[in-house]
PDB file of all heavy atoms in Angstrom:
ATOM      1  N   LEU A   1     -45.761-125.821 -51.652  1.00  0.00           N
ATOM      2  CA  LEU A   1     -47.038-125.188 -51.321  1.00  0.00           C
ATOM      3  C   LEU A   1     -47.045-124.593 -49.925  1.00  0.00           C
ATOM      4  O   LEU A   1     -47.339-123.407 -49.742  1.00  0.00           O
ATOM      5  CB  LEU A   1     -48.179-126.200 -51.472  1.00  0.00           C
ATOM      6  CG  LEU A   1     -49.585-125.654 -51.216  1.00  0.00           C
ATOM      7  CD1 LEU A   1     -49.890-124.480 -52.139  1.00  0.00           C
ATOM      8  CD2 LEU A   1     -50.625-126.760 -51.406  1.00  0.00           C
ATOM      9  N   ALA A   2     -46.728-125.387 -48.911  1.00  0.00           N
ATOM     10  CA  ALA A   2     -46.771-124.900 -47.533  1.00  0.00           C
ATOM     11  C   ALA A   2     -45.753-123.781 -47.303  1.00  0.00           C
ATOM     12  O   ALA A   2     -46.059-122.759 -46.680  1.00  0.00           O
ATOM     13  CB  ALA A   2     -46.522-126.043 -46.554  1.00  0.00           C
ATOM     14  N   ALA A   3     -44.533-123.965 -47.814  1.00  0.00           N
ATOM     15  CA  ALA A   3     -43.488-122.954 -47.621  1.00  0.00           C
ATOM     16  C   ALA A   3     -43.879-121.637 -48.279  1.00  0.00           C
ATOM     17  O   ALA A   3     -43.677-120.558 -47.714  1.00  0.00           O
ATOM     18  CB  ALA A   3     -42.158-123.455 -48.166  1.00  0.00           C
ATOM     19  N   GLY A   4     -44.447-121.706 -49.489  1.00  0.00           N
ATOM     20  CA  GLY A   4     -44.825-120.489 -50.195  1.00  0.00           C
ATOM     21  C   GLY A   4     -45.965-119.755 -49.530  1.00  0.00           C
ATOM     22  O   GLY A   4     -45.943-118.529 -49.393  1.00  0.00           O
ATOM     23  N   ILE A   5     -46.978-120.490 -49.099  1.00  0.00           N
ATOM     24  CA  ILE A   5     -48.117-119.865 -48.432  1.00  0.00           C
ATOM     25  C   ILE A   5     -47.700-119.265 -47.094  1.00  0.00           C
ATOM     26  O   ILE A   5     -48.122-118.158 -46.734  1.00  0.00           O
ATOM     27  CB  ILE A   5     -49.254-120.887 -48.253  1.00  0.00           C
ATOM     28  CG1 ILE A   5     -49.883-121.201 -49.611  1.00  0.00           C
ATOM     29  CG2 ILE A   5     -50.308-120.378 -47.276  1.00  0.00           C
ATOM     30  CD1 ILE A   5     -50.965-122.235 -49.570  1.00  0.00           C
ATOM     31  N   CYS A   6     -46.850-119.981 -46.364  1.00  0.00           N
ATOM     32  CA  CYS A   6     -46.376-119.454 -45.080  1.00  0.00           C
ATOM     33  C   CYS A   6     -45.485-118.225 -45.277  1.00  0.00           C
ATOM     34  O   CYS A   6     -45.501-117.307 -44.445  1.00  0.00           O
ATOM     35  CB  CYS A   6     -45.624-120.536 -44.306  1.00  0.00           C
ATOM     36  SG  CYS A   6     -46.710-121.798 -43.600  1.00  0.00           S
ATOM     37  N   PHE A   7     -44.721-118.195 -46.362  1.00  0.00           N
ATOM     38  CA  PHE A   7     -43.917-116.995 -46.661  1.00  0.00           C
ATOM     39  C   PHE A   7     -44.834-115.786 -46.815  1.00  0.00           C
ATOM     40  O   PHE A   7     -44.577-114.714 -46.253  1.00  0.00           O
ATOM     41  CB  PHE A   7     -43.098-117.202 -47.932  1.00  0.00           C
ATOM     42  CG  PHE A   7     -42.415-115.951 -48.412  1.00  0.00           C
ATOM     43  CD1 PHE A   7     -41.254-115.498 -47.797  1.00  0.00           C
ATOM     44  CD2 PHE A   7     -42.940-115.225 -49.468  1.00  0.00           C
ATOM     45  CE1 PHE A   7     -40.626-114.332 -48.227  1.00  0.00           C
ATOM     46  CE2 PHE A   7     -42.318-114.063 -49.909  1.00  0.00           C
ATOM     47  CZ  PHE A   7     -41.152-113.610 -49.285  1.00  0.00           C
ATOM     48  N   GLY A   8     -45.917-115.951 -47.577  1.00  0.00           N
ATOM     49  CA  GLY A   8     -46.854-114.848 -47.750  1.00  0.00           C
ATOM     50  C   GLY A   8     -47.496-114.435 -46.437  1.00  0.00           C
ATOM     51  O   GLY A   8     -47.647-113.241 -46.154  1.00  0.00           O
ATOM     52  N   ALA A   9     -47.867-115.419 -45.607  1.00  0.00           N
ATOM     53  CA  ALA A   9     -48.471-115.107 -44.311  1.00  0.00           C
ATOM     54  C   ALA A   9     -47.488-114.350 -43.427  1.00  0.00           C
ATOM     55  O   ALA A   9     -47.866-113.406 -42.716  1.00  0.00           O
ATOM     56  CB  ALA A   9     -48.919-116.391 -43.625  1.00  0.00           C
ATOM     57  N   CYS A  10     -46.225-114.753 -43.472  1.00  0.00           N
ATOM     58  CA  CYS A  10     -45.197-114.064 -42.682  1.00  0.00           C
ATOM     59  C   CYS A  10     -45.076-112.602 -43.091  1.00  0.00           C
ATOM     60  O   CYS A  10     -44.948-111.710 -42.235  1.00  0.00           O
ATOM     61  CB  CYS A  10     -43.841-114.748 -42.865  1.00  0.00           C
ATOM     62  SG  CYS A  10     -43.679-116.340 -42.057  1.00  0.00           S
ATOM     63  N   MET A  11     -45.126-112.338 -44.390  1.00  0.00           N
ATOM     64  CA  MET A  11     -44.980-110.962 -44.858  1.00  0.00           C
ATOM     65  C   MET A  11     -46.167-110.113 -44.416  1.00  0.00           C
ATOM     66  O   MET A  11     -46.001-108.951 -44.028  1.00  0.00           O
ATOM     67  CB  MET A  11     -44.853-110.948 -46.384  1.00  0.00           C
ATOM     68  CG  MET A  11     -43.614-111.670 -46.907  1.00  0.00           C
ATOM     69  SD  MET A  11     -42.073-111.110 -46.139  1.00  0.00           S
ATOM     70  CE  MET A  11     -41.999-109.406 -46.722  1.00  0.00           C
ATOM     71  N   VAL A  12     -47.365-110.685 -44.468  1.00  0.00           N
ATOM     72  CA  VAL A  12     -48.553-109.950 -44.010  1.00  0.00           C
ATOM     73  C   VAL A  12     -48.451-109.638 -42.517  1.00  0.00           C
ATOM     74  O   VAL A  12     -48.683-108.503 -42.078  1.00  0.00           O
ATOM     75  CB  VAL A  12     -49.833-110.759 -44.295  1.00  0.00           C
ATOM     76  CG1 VAL A  12     -51.036-110.127 -43.618  1.00  0.00           C
ATOM     77  CG2 VAL A  12     -50.080-110.866 -45.797  1.00  0.00           C
ATOM     78  N   LEU A  13     -48.083-110.638 -41.728  1.00  0.00           N
ATOM     79  CA  LEU A  13     -47.985-110.432 -40.286  1.00  0.00           C
ATOM     80  C   LEU A  13     -46.813-109.523 -39.922  1.00  0.00           C
ATOM     81  O   LEU A  13     -46.873-108.797 -38.925  1.00  0.00           O
ATOM     82  CB  LEU A  13     -47.850-111.777 -39.576  1.00  0.00           C
ATOM     83  CG  LEU A  13     -49.054-112.716 -39.728  1.00  0.00           C
ATOM     84  CD1 LEU A  13     -48.835-113.996 -38.933  1.00  0.00           C
ATOM     85  CD2 LEU A  13     -50.339-112.033 -39.283  1.00  0.00           C
ATOM     86  N   LEU A  14     -45.746-109.543 -40.722  1.00  0.00           N
ATOM     87  CA  LEU A  14     -44.615-108.636 -40.488  1.00  0.00           C
ATOM     88  C   LEU A  14     -45.072-107.180 -40.635  1.00  0.00           C
ATOM     89  O   LEU A  14     -44.803-106.342 -39.769  1.00  0.00           O
ATOM     90  CB  LEU A  14     -43.494-108.948 -41.474  1.00  0.00           C
ATOM     91  CG  LEU A  14     -42.128-108.261 -41.263  1.00  0.00           C
ATOM     92  CD1 LEU A  14     -41.034-109.057 -41.975  1.00  0.00           C
ATOM     93  CD2 LEU A  14     -42.102-106.829 -41.779  1.00  0.00           C
ATOM     94  N   VAL A  15     -45.743-106.896 -41.756  1.00  0.00           N
ATOM     95  CA  VAL A  15     -46.236-105.530 -41.986  1.00  0.00           C
ATOM     96  C   VAL A  15     -47.189-105.109 -40.871  1.00  0.00           C
ATOM     97  O   VAL A  15     -47.119-103.978 -40.364  1.00  0.00           O
ATOM     98  CB  VAL A  15     -46.931-105.438 -43.358  1.00  0.00           C
ATOM     99  CG1 VAL A  15     -47.618-104.083 -43.527  1.00  0.00           C
ATOM    100  CG2 VAL A  15     -45.923-105.662 -44.482  1.00  0.00           C
ATOM    101  N   SER A  16     -48.049-106.024 -40.479  1.00  0.00           N
ATOM    102  CA  SER A  16     -49.021-105.710 -39.439  1.00  0.00           C
ATOM    103  C   SER A  16     -48.349-105.484 -38.084  1.00  0.00           C
ATOM    104  O   SER A  16     -48.751-104.601 -37.323  1.00  0.00           O
ATOM    105  CB  SER A  16     -50.030-106.853 -39.319  1.00  0.00           C
ATOM    106  OG  SER A  16     -50.631-107.116 -40.567  1.00  0.00           O
ATOM    107  N   ALA A  17     -47.325-106.284 -37.792  1.00  0.00           N
ATOM    108  CA  ALA A  17     -46.605-106.120 -36.532  1.00  0.00           C
ATOM    109  C   ALA A  17     -45.890-104.775 -36.475  1.00  0.00           C
ATOM    110  O   ALA A  17     -45.867-104.115 -35.432  1.00  0.00           O
ATOM    111  CB  ALA A  17     -45.602-107.267 -36.352  1.00  0.00           C
ATOM    112  N   VAL A  18     -45.308-104.356 -37.591  1.00  0.00           N
ATOM    113  CA  VAL A  18     -44.655-103.048 -37.640  1.00  0.00           C
ATOM    114  C   VAL A  18     -45.682-101.952 -37.418  1.00  0.00           C
ATOM    115  O   VAL A  18     -45.420-100.963 -36.711  1.00  0.00           O
ATOM    116  CB  VAL A  18     -43.927-102.859 -38.989  1.00  0.00           C
ATOM    117  CG1 VAL A  18     -43.426-101.422 -39.127  1.00  0.00           C
ATOM    118  CG2 VAL A  18     -42.771-103.841 -39.112  1.00  0.00           C
ATOM    119  N   LYS A  19     -46.865-102.121 -38.018  1.00  0.00           N
ATOM    120  CA  LYS A  19     -47.916-101.109 -37.897  1.00  0.00           C
ATOM    121  C   LYS A  19     -48.325-100.880 -36.450  1.00  0.00           C
ATOM    122  O   LYS A  19     -48.588 -99.745 -36.045  1.00  0.00           O
ATOM    123  CB  LYS A  19     -49.130-101.539 -38.721  1.00  0.00           C
ATOM    124  CG  LYS A  19     -50.293-100.545 -38.714  1.00  0.00           C
ATOM    125  CD  LYS A  19     -51.429-101.053 -39.588  1.00  0.00           C
ATOM    126  CE  LYS A  19     -52.559-100.044 -39.639  1.00  0.00           C
ATOM    127  NZ  LYS A  19     -53.190 -99.813 -38.325  1.00  0.00           N
ATOM    128  N   ILE A  20     -48.377-101.940 -35.657  1.00  0.00           N
ATOM    129  CA  ILE A  20     -48.780-101.788 -34.260  1.00  0.00           C
ATOM    130  C   ILE A  20     -47.563-101.723 -33.330  1.00  0.00           C
ATOM    131  O   ILE A  20     -47.692-101.862 -32.123  1.00  0.00           O
ATOM    132  CB  ILE A  20     -49.707-102.937 -33.831  1.00  0.00           C
ATOM    133  CG1 ILE A  20     -49.010-104.293 -33.924  1.00  0.00           C
ATOM    134  CG2 ILE A  20     -50.982-102.937 -34.642  1.00  0.00           C
ATOM    135  CD1 ILE A  20     -49.830-105.451 -33.397  1.00  0.00           C
ATOM    136  N   ARG A  21     -46.373-101.567 -33.946  1.00  0.00           N
ATOM    137  CA  ARG A  21     -45.111-101.381 -33.212  1.00  0.00           C
ATOM    138  C   ARG A  21     -44.754-102.603 -32.357  1.00  0.00           C
ATOM    139  O   ARG A  21     -44.163-102.479 -31.294  1.00  0.00           O
ATOM    140  CB  ARG A  21     -45.165-100.113 -32.360  1.00  0.00           C
ATOM    141  CG  ARG A  21     -45.451 -98.856 -33.161  1.00  0.00           C
ATOM    142  CD  ARG A  21     -45.411 -97.605 -32.306  1.00  0.00           C
ATOM    143  NE  ARG A  21     -44.047 -97.344 -31.827  1.00  0.00           N
ATOM    144  CZ  ARG A  21     -43.098 -96.753 -32.551  1.00  0.00           C
ATOM    145  NH1 ARG A  21     -43.344 -96.362 -33.796  1.00  0.00           N
ATOM    146  NH2 ARG A  21     -41.901 -96.558 -32.050  1.00  0.00           N
ATOM    147  N   SER A  22     -45.101-103.780 -32.843  1.00  0.00           N
ATOM    148  CA  SER A  22     -44.668-105.026 -32.189  1.00  0.00           C
ATOM    149  C   SER A  22     -43.395-105.482 -32.891  1.00  0.00           C
ATOM    150  O   SER A  22     -43.401-106.413 -33.706  1.00  0.00           O
ATOM    151  CB  SER A  22     -45.762-106.105 -32.300  1.00  0.00           C
ATOM    152  OG  SER A  22     -46.884-105.770 -31.534  1.00  0.00           O
ATOM    153  N   PHE A  23     -42.296-104.796 -32.590  1.00  0.00           N
ATOM    154  CA  PHE A  23     -41.073-104.990 -33.367  1.00  0.00           C
ATOM    155  C   PHE A  23     -40.449-106.371 -33.154  1.00  0.00           C
ATOM    156  O   PHE A  23     -39.858-106.940 -34.065  1.00  0.00           O
ATOM    157  CB  PHE A  23     -40.074-103.882 -33.028  1.00  0.00           C
ATOM    158  CG  PHE A  23     -40.576-102.501 -33.362  1.00  0.00           C
ATOM    159  CD1 PHE A  23     -40.709-101.528 -32.377  1.00  0.00           C
ATOM    160  CD2 PHE A  23     -40.957-102.194 -34.653  1.00  0.00           C
ATOM    161  CE1 PHE A  23     -41.201-100.266 -32.680  1.00  0.00           C
ATOM    162  CE2 PHE A  23     -41.448-100.927 -34.978  1.00  0.00           C
ATOM    163  CZ  PHE A  23     -41.568 -99.967 -33.980  1.00  0.00           C
ATOM    164  N   GLN A  24     -40.566-106.918 -31.949  1.00  0.00           N
ATOM    165  CA  GLN A  24     -40.028-108.253 -31.721  1.00  0.00           C
ATOM    166  C   GLN A  24     -40.724-109.267 -32.635  1.00  0.00           C
ATOM    167  O   GLN A  24     -40.068-110.118 -33.243  1.00  0.00           O
ATOM    168  CB  GLN A  24     -40.235-108.659 -30.263  1.00  0.00           C
ATOM    169  CG  GLN A  24     -39.828-110.110 -29.969  1.00  0.00           C
ATOM    170  CD  GLN A  24     -40.004-110.474 -28.505  1.00  0.00           C
ATOM    171  OE1 GLN A  24     -39.196-110.114 -27.658  1.00  0.00           O
ATOM    172  NE2 GLN A  24     -41.082-111.186 -28.205  1.00  0.00           N
ATOM    173  N   GLU A  25     -42.048-109.161 -32.744  1.00  0.00           N
ATOM    174  CA  GLU A  25     -42.795-110.072 -33.587  1.00  0.00           C
ATOM    175  C   GLU A  25     -42.459-109.851 -35.059  1.00  0.00           C
ATOM    176  O   GLU A  25     -42.450-110.796 -35.845  1.00  0.00           O
ATOM    177  CB  GLU A  25     -44.298-109.892 -33.352  1.00  0.00           C
ATOM    178  CG  GLU A  25     -44.788-110.443 -32.030  1.00  0.00           C
ATOM    179  CD  GLU A  25     -44.274-109.662 -30.824  1.00  0.00           C
ATOM    180  OE1 GLU A  25     -44.144-108.426 -30.918  1.00  0.00           O
ATOM    181  OE2 GLU A  25     -44.016-110.294 -29.783  1.00  0.00           O
ATOM    182  N   ALA A  26     -42.180-108.593 -35.435  1.00  0.00           N
ATOM    183  CA  ALA A  26     -41.797-108.308 -36.818  1.00  0.00           C
ATOM    184  C   ALA A  26     -40.476-108.990 -37.164  1.00  0.00           C
ATOM    185  O   ALA A  26     -40.318-109.563 -38.251  1.00  0.00           O
ATOM    186  CB  ALA A  26     -41.686-106.795 -37.027  1.00  0.00           C
ATOM    187  N   TYR A  27     -39.514-108.954 -36.241  1.00  0.00           N
ATOM    188  CA  TYR A  27     -38.236-109.644 -36.466  1.00  0.00           C
ATOM    189  C   TYR A  27     -38.443-111.152 -36.597  1.00  0.00           C
ATOM    190  O   TYR A  27     -37.823-111.813 -37.446  1.00  0.00           O
ATOM    191  CB  TYR A  27     -37.269-109.355 -35.316  1.00  0.00           C
ATOM    192  CG  TYR A  27     -36.565-108.024 -35.428  1.00  0.00           C
ATOM    193  CD1 TYR A  27     -36.821-107.002 -34.497  1.00  0.00           C
ATOM    194  CD2 TYR A  27     -35.649-107.783 -36.435  1.00  0.00           C
ATOM    195  CE1 TYR A  27     -36.193-105.786 -34.595  1.00  0.00           C
ATOM    196  CE2 TYR A  27     -35.007-106.557 -36.540  1.00  0.00           C
ATOM    197  CZ  TYR A  27     -35.282-105.554 -35.618  1.00  0.00           C
ATOM    198  OH  TYR A  27     -34.650-104.348 -35.727  1.00  0.00           O
ATOM    199  N   LEU A  28     -39.316-111.701 -35.756  1.00  0.00           N
ATOM    200  CA  LEU A  28     -39.576-113.136 -35.822  1.00  0.00           C
ATOM    201  C   LEU A  28     -40.206-113.523 -37.156  1.00  0.00           C
ATOM    202  O   LEU A  28     -39.868-114.558 -37.746  1.00  0.00           O
ATOM    203  CB  LEU A  28     -40.487-113.551 -34.665  1.00  0.00           C
ATOM    204  CG  LEU A  28     -39.863-113.485 -33.266  1.00  0.00           C
ATOM    205  CD1 LEU A  28     -40.928-113.649 -32.191  1.00  0.00           C
ATOM    206  CD2 LEU A  28     -38.779-114.555 -33.104  1.00  0.00           C
ATOM    207  N   MET A  29     -41.110-112.692 -37.654  1.00  0.00           N
ATOM    208  CA  MET A  29     -41.742-112.977 -38.941  1.00  0.00           C
ATOM    209  C   MET A  29     -40.753-112.813 -40.097  1.00  0.00           C
ATOM    210  O   MET A  29     -40.809-113.554 -41.086  1.00  0.00           O
ATOM    211  CB  MET A  29     -42.947-112.065 -39.158  1.00  0.00           C
ATOM    212  CG  MET A  29     -44.163-112.439 -38.328  1.00  0.00           C
ATOM    213  SD  MET A  29     -44.863-114.080 -38.751  1.00  0.00           S
ATOM    214  CE  MET A  29     -43.981-115.175 -37.629  1.00  0.00           C
ATOM    215  N   ALA A  30     -39.830-111.867 -39.975  1.00  0.00           N
ATOM    216  CA  ALA A  30     -38.796-111.716 -41.004  1.00  0.00           C
ATOM    217  C   ALA A  30     -37.910-112.950 -41.046  1.00  0.00           C
ATOM    218  O   ALA A  30     -37.534-113.441 -42.124  1.00  0.00           O
ATOM    219  CB  ALA A  30     -37.959-110.463 -40.722  1.00  0.00           C
ATOM    220  N   ALA A  31     -37.581-113.477 -39.868  1.00  0.00           N
ATOM    221  CA  ALA A  31     -36.755-114.688 -39.802  1.00  0.00           C
ATOM    222  C   ALA A  31     -37.488-115.880 -40.401  1.00  0.00           C
ATOM    223  O   ALA A  31     -36.921-116.644 -41.191  1.00  0.00           O
ATOM    224  CB  ALA A  31     -36.365-114.977 -38.352  1.00  0.00           C
ATOM    225  N   LEU A  32     -38.759-116.052 -40.049  1.00  0.00           N
ATOM    226  CA  LEU A  32     -39.511-117.194 -40.558  1.00  0.00           C
ATOM    227  C   LEU A  32     -39.715-117.081 -42.070  1.00  0.00           C
ATOM    228  O   LEU A  32     -39.677-118.096 -42.786  1.00  0.00           O
ATOM    229  CB  LEU A  32     -40.864-117.295 -39.855  1.00  0.00           C
ATOM    230  CG  LEU A  32     -41.568-118.652 -39.985  1.00  0.00           C
ATOM    231  CD1 LEU A  32     -40.762-119.739 -39.277  1.00  0.00           C
ATOM    232  CD2 LEU A  32     -42.978-118.586 -39.403  1.00  0.00           C
ATOM    233  N   ALA A  33     -39.925-115.864 -42.550  1.00  0.00           N
ATOM    234  CA  ALA A  33     -40.053-115.666 -43.996  1.00  0.00           C
ATOM    235  C   ALA A  33     -38.772-116.080 -44.706  1.00  0.00           C
ATOM    236  O   ALA A  33     -38.808-116.705 -45.778  1.00  0.00           O
ATOM    237  CB  ALA A  33     -40.386-114.205 -44.298  1.00  0.00           C
ATOM    238  N   GLY A  34     -37.617-115.744 -44.118  1.00  0.00           N
ATOM    239  CA  GLY A  34     -36.339-116.153 -44.695  1.00  0.00           C
ATOM    240  C   GLY A  34     -36.191-117.662 -44.744  1.00  0.00           C
ATOM    241  O   GLY A  34     -35.698-118.225 -45.730  1.00  0.00           O
ATOM    242  N   CYS A  35     -36.645-118.338 -43.679  1.00  0.00           N
ATOM    243  CA  CYS A  35     -36.621-119.807 -43.654  1.00  0.00           C
ATOM    244  C   CYS A  35     -37.430-120.381 -44.804  1.00  0.00           C
ATOM    245  O   CYS A  35     -36.982-121.287 -45.519  1.00  0.00           O
ATOM    246  CB  CYS A  35     -37.199-120.327 -42.342  1.00  0.00           C
ATOM    247  SG  CYS A  35     -36.184-120.046 -40.889  1.00  0.00           S
ATOM    248  N   CYS A  36     -38.644-119.875 -44.966  1.00  0.00           N
ATOM    249  CA  CYS A  36     -39.539-120.402 -46.000  1.00  0.00           C
ATOM    250  C   CYS A  36     -38.956-120.177 -47.392  1.00  0.00           C
ATOM    251  O   CYS A  36     -38.972-121.087 -48.237  1.00  0.00           O
ATOM    252  CB  CYS A  36     -40.910-119.730 -45.890  1.00  0.00           C
ATOM    253  SG  CYS A  36     -41.828-120.127 -44.387  1.00  0.00           S
ATOM    254  N   LEU A  37     -38.441-118.972 -47.636  1.00  0.00           N
ATOM    255  CA  LEU A  37     -37.896-118.662 -48.950  1.00  0.00           C
ATOM    256  C   LEU A  37     -36.652-119.491 -49.236  1.00  0.00           C
ATOM    257  O   LEU A  37     -36.474-120.005 -50.349  1.00  0.00           O
ATOM    258  CB  LEU A  37     -37.574-117.167 -49.028  1.00  0.00           C
ATOM    259  CG  LEU A  37     -37.310-116.598 -50.435  1.00  0.00           C
ATOM    260  CD1 LEU A  37     -38.497-116.861 -51.351  1.00  0.00           C
ATOM    261  CD2 LEU A  37     -37.020-115.111 -50.344  1.00  0.00           C
ATOM    262  N   GLY A  38     -35.785-119.647 -48.236  1.00  0.00           N
ATOM    263  CA  GLY A  38     -34.588-120.461 -48.427  1.00  0.00           C
ATOM    264  C   GLY A  38     -34.923-121.918 -48.693  1.00  0.00           C
ATOM    265  O   GLY A  38     -34.278-122.580 -49.526  1.00  0.00           O
ATOM    266  N   PHE A  39     -35.959-122.423 -48.027  1.00  0.00           N
ATOM    267  CA  PHE A  39     -36.332-123.825 -48.205  1.00  0.00           C
ATOM    268  C   PHE A  39     -36.916-124.073 -49.587  1.00  0.00           C
ATOM    269  O   PHE A  39     -36.809-125.178 -50.132  1.00  0.00           O
ATOM    270  CB  PHE A  39     -37.334-124.234 -47.129  1.00  0.00           C
ATOM    271  CG  PHE A  39     -37.633-125.702 -47.108  1.00  0.00           C
ATOM    272  CD1 PHE A  39     -36.654-126.622 -46.731  1.00  0.00           C
ATOM    273  CD2 PHE A  39     -38.885-126.182 -47.465  1.00  0.00           C
ATOM    274  CE1 PHE A  39     -36.915-127.986 -46.718  1.00  0.00           C
ATOM    275  CE2 PHE A  39     -39.157-127.535 -47.445  1.00  0.00           C
ATOM    276  CZ  PHE A  39     -38.173-128.439 -47.085  1.00  0.00           C
ATOM    277  N   LEU A  40     -37.542-123.046 -50.179  1.00  0.00           N
ATOM    278  CA  LEU A  40     -38.136-123.206 -51.503  1.00  0.00           C
ATOM    279  C   LEU A  40     -37.081-123.508 -52.567  1.00  0.00           C
ATOM    280  O   LEU A  40     -37.412-124.066 -53.625  1.00  0.00           O
ATOM    281  CB  LEU A  40     -38.918-121.948 -51.888  1.00  0.00           C
ATOM    282  CG  LEU A  40     -40.314-121.823 -51.261  1.00  0.00           C
ATOM    283  CD1 LEU A  40     -40.930-120.479 -51.586  1.00  0.00           C
ATOM    284  CD2 LEU A  40     -41.214-122.949 -51.741  1.00  0.00           C
ATOM    285  N   PHE A  41     -35.820-123.148 -52.331  1.00  0.00           N
ATOM    286  CA  PHE A  41     -34.757-123.484 -53.277  1.00  0.00           C
ATOM    287  C   PHE A  41     -34.654-125.004 -53.460  1.00  0.00           C
ATOM    288  O   PHE A  41     -34.218-125.484 -54.512  1.00  0.00           O
ATOM    289  CB  PHE A  41     -33.412-122.934 -52.791  1.00  0.00           C
ATOM    290  CG  PHE A  41     -33.224-121.470 -53.035  1.00  0.00           C
ATOM    291  CD1 PHE A  41     -33.521-120.548 -52.040  1.00  0.00           C
ATOM    292  CD2 PHE A  41     -32.760-121.005 -54.256  1.00  0.00           C
ATOM    293  CE1 PHE A  41     -33.347-119.192 -52.256  1.00  0.00           C
ATOM    294  CE2 PHE A  41     -32.595-119.646 -54.480  1.00  0.00           C
ATOM    295  CZ  PHE A  41     -32.881-118.735 -53.484  1.00  0.00           C
ATOM    296  N   PHE A  42     -35.058-125.747 -52.438  1.00  0.00           N
ATOM    297  CA  PHE A  42     -34.955-127.203 -52.484  1.00  0.00           C
ATOM    298  C   PHE A  42     -36.318-127.889 -52.573  1.00  0.00           C
ATOM    299  O   PHE A  42     -36.387-129.070 -52.900  1.00  0.00           O
ATOM    300  CB  PHE A  42     -34.240-127.707 -51.225  1.00  0.00           C
ATOM    301  CG  PHE A  42     -32.882-127.120 -51.023  1.00  0.00           C
ATOM    302  CD1 PHE A  42     -32.715-125.952 -50.287  1.00  0.00           C
ATOM    303  CD2 PHE A  42     -31.748-127.715 -51.570  1.00  0.00           C
ATOM    304  CE1 PHE A  42     -31.465-125.402 -50.099  1.00  0.00           C
ATOM    305  CE2 PHE A  42     -30.495-127.179 -51.381  1.00  0.00           C
ATOM    306  CZ  PHE A  42     -30.346-126.012 -50.649  1.00  0.00           C
ATOM    307  N   ASN A  43     -37.379-127.156 -52.272  1.00  0.00           N
ATOM    308  CA  ASN A  43     -38.688-127.779 -52.128  1.00  0.00           C
ATOM    309  C   ASN A  43     -39.644-127.467 -53.269  1.00  0.00           C
ATOM    310  O   ASN A  43     -40.646-128.149 -53.438  1.00  0.00           O
ATOM    311  CB  ASN A  43     -39.313-127.349 -50.788  1.00  0.00           C
ATOM    312  CG  ASN A  43     -40.610-128.049 -50.477  1.00  0.00           C
ATOM    313  OD1 ASN A  43     -41.648-127.409 -50.300  1.00  0.00           O
ATOM    314  ND2 ASN A  43     -40.593-129.372 -50.411  1.00  0.00           N
ATOM    315  N   PHE A  44     -39.340-126.428 -54.073  1.00  0.00           N
ATOM    316  CA  PHE A  44     -40.236-126.124 -55.192  1.00  0.00           C
ATOM    317  C   PHE A  44     -40.093-127.210 -56.243  1.00  0.00           C
ATOM    318  O   PHE A  44     -39.028-127.783 -56.432  1.00  0.00           O
ATOM    319  CB  PHE A  44     -39.923-124.747 -55.788  1.00  0.00           C
ATOM    320  CG  PHE A  44     -41.031-124.205 -56.653  1.00  0.00           C
ATOM    321  CD1 PHE A  44     -42.199-123.735 -56.086  1.00  0.00           C
ATOM    322  CD2 PHE A  44     -40.900-124.178 -58.030  1.00  0.00           C
ATOM    323  CE1 PHE A  44     -43.231-123.249 -56.877  1.00  0.00           C
ATOM    324  CE2 PHE A  44     -41.922-123.688 -58.834  1.00  0.00           C
ATOM    325  CZ  PHE A  44     -43.098-123.218 -58.258  1.00  0.00           C
ATOM    326  N   HIS A  45     -41.168-127.494 -56.938  1.00  0.00           N
ATOM    327  CA  HIS A  45     -41.209-128.625 -57.862  1.00  0.00           C
ATOM    328  C   HIS A  45     -40.130-128.548 -58.954  1.00  0.00           C
ATOM    329  O   HIS A  45     -39.960-127.515 -59.568  1.00  0.00           O
ATOM    330  CB  HIS A  45     -42.580-128.679 -58.524  1.00  0.00           C
ATOM    331  CG  HIS A  45     -42.805-129.899 -59.358  1.00  0.00           C
ATOM    332  ND1 HIS A  45     -42.969-131.150 -58.809  1.00  0.00           N
ATOM    333  CD2 HIS A  45     -42.866-130.066 -60.701  1.00  0.00           C
ATOM    334  CE1 HIS A  45     -43.155-132.029 -59.769  1.00  0.00           C
ATOM    335  NE2 HIS A  45     -43.088-131.400 -60.929  1.00  0.00           N
ATOM    336  N   PRO A  46     -39.403-129.640 -59.176  1.00  0.00           N
ATOM    337  CA  PRO A  46     -39.456-130.928 -58.475  1.00  0.00           C
ATOM    338  C   PRO A  46     -38.639-130.877 -57.182  1.00  0.00           C
ATOM    339  O   PRO A  46     -37.473-130.489 -57.180  1.00  0.00           O
ATOM    340  CB  PRO A  46     -38.829-131.896 -59.484  1.00  0.00           C
ATOM    341  CG  PRO A  46     -37.879-131.049 -60.274  1.00  0.00           C
ATOM    342  CD  PRO A  46     -38.487-129.669 -60.333  1.00  0.00           C
ATOM    343  N   ALA A  47     -39.262-131.277 -56.083  1.00  0.00           N
ATOM    344  CA  ALA A  47     -38.644-131.147 -54.764  1.00  0.00           C
ATOM    345  C   ALA A  47     -37.491-132.124 -54.581  1.00  0.00           C
ATOM    346  O   ALA A  47     -37.553-133.274 -55.013  1.00  0.00           O
ATOM    347  CB  ALA A  47     -39.689-131.379 -53.673  1.00  0.00           C
ATOM    348  N   LYS A  48     -36.443-131.630 -53.925  1.00  0.00           N
ATOM    349  CA  LYS A  48     -35.328-132.490 -53.530  1.00  0.00           C
ATOM    350  C   LYS A  48     -35.508-132.982 -52.090  1.00  0.00           C
ATOM    351  O   LYS A  48     -34.858-133.941 -51.674  1.00  0.00           O
ATOM    352  CB  LYS A  48     -34.004-131.732 -53.650  1.00  0.00           C
ATOM    353  CG  LYS A  48     -33.681-131.234 -55.060  1.00  0.00           C
ATOM    354  CD  LYS A  48     -32.366-130.478 -55.060  1.00  0.00           C
ATOM    355  CE  LYS A  48     -32.017-129.998 -56.465  1.00  0.00           C
ATOM    356  NZ  LYS A  48     -33.001-128.979 -56.948  1.00  0.00           N
TER     357      LYS A  48
END
């Protein structure tokens, strides 16, 4: 739940950061989104 919701939040903030040309923040959100998605391989039900 937390990883999936945070992945979605990261994507929204990534798009928004690009829109206002905050490219450093966009890279950070892309990285965090990757973390969340990678963790879901082990955390989605049934969680390991």
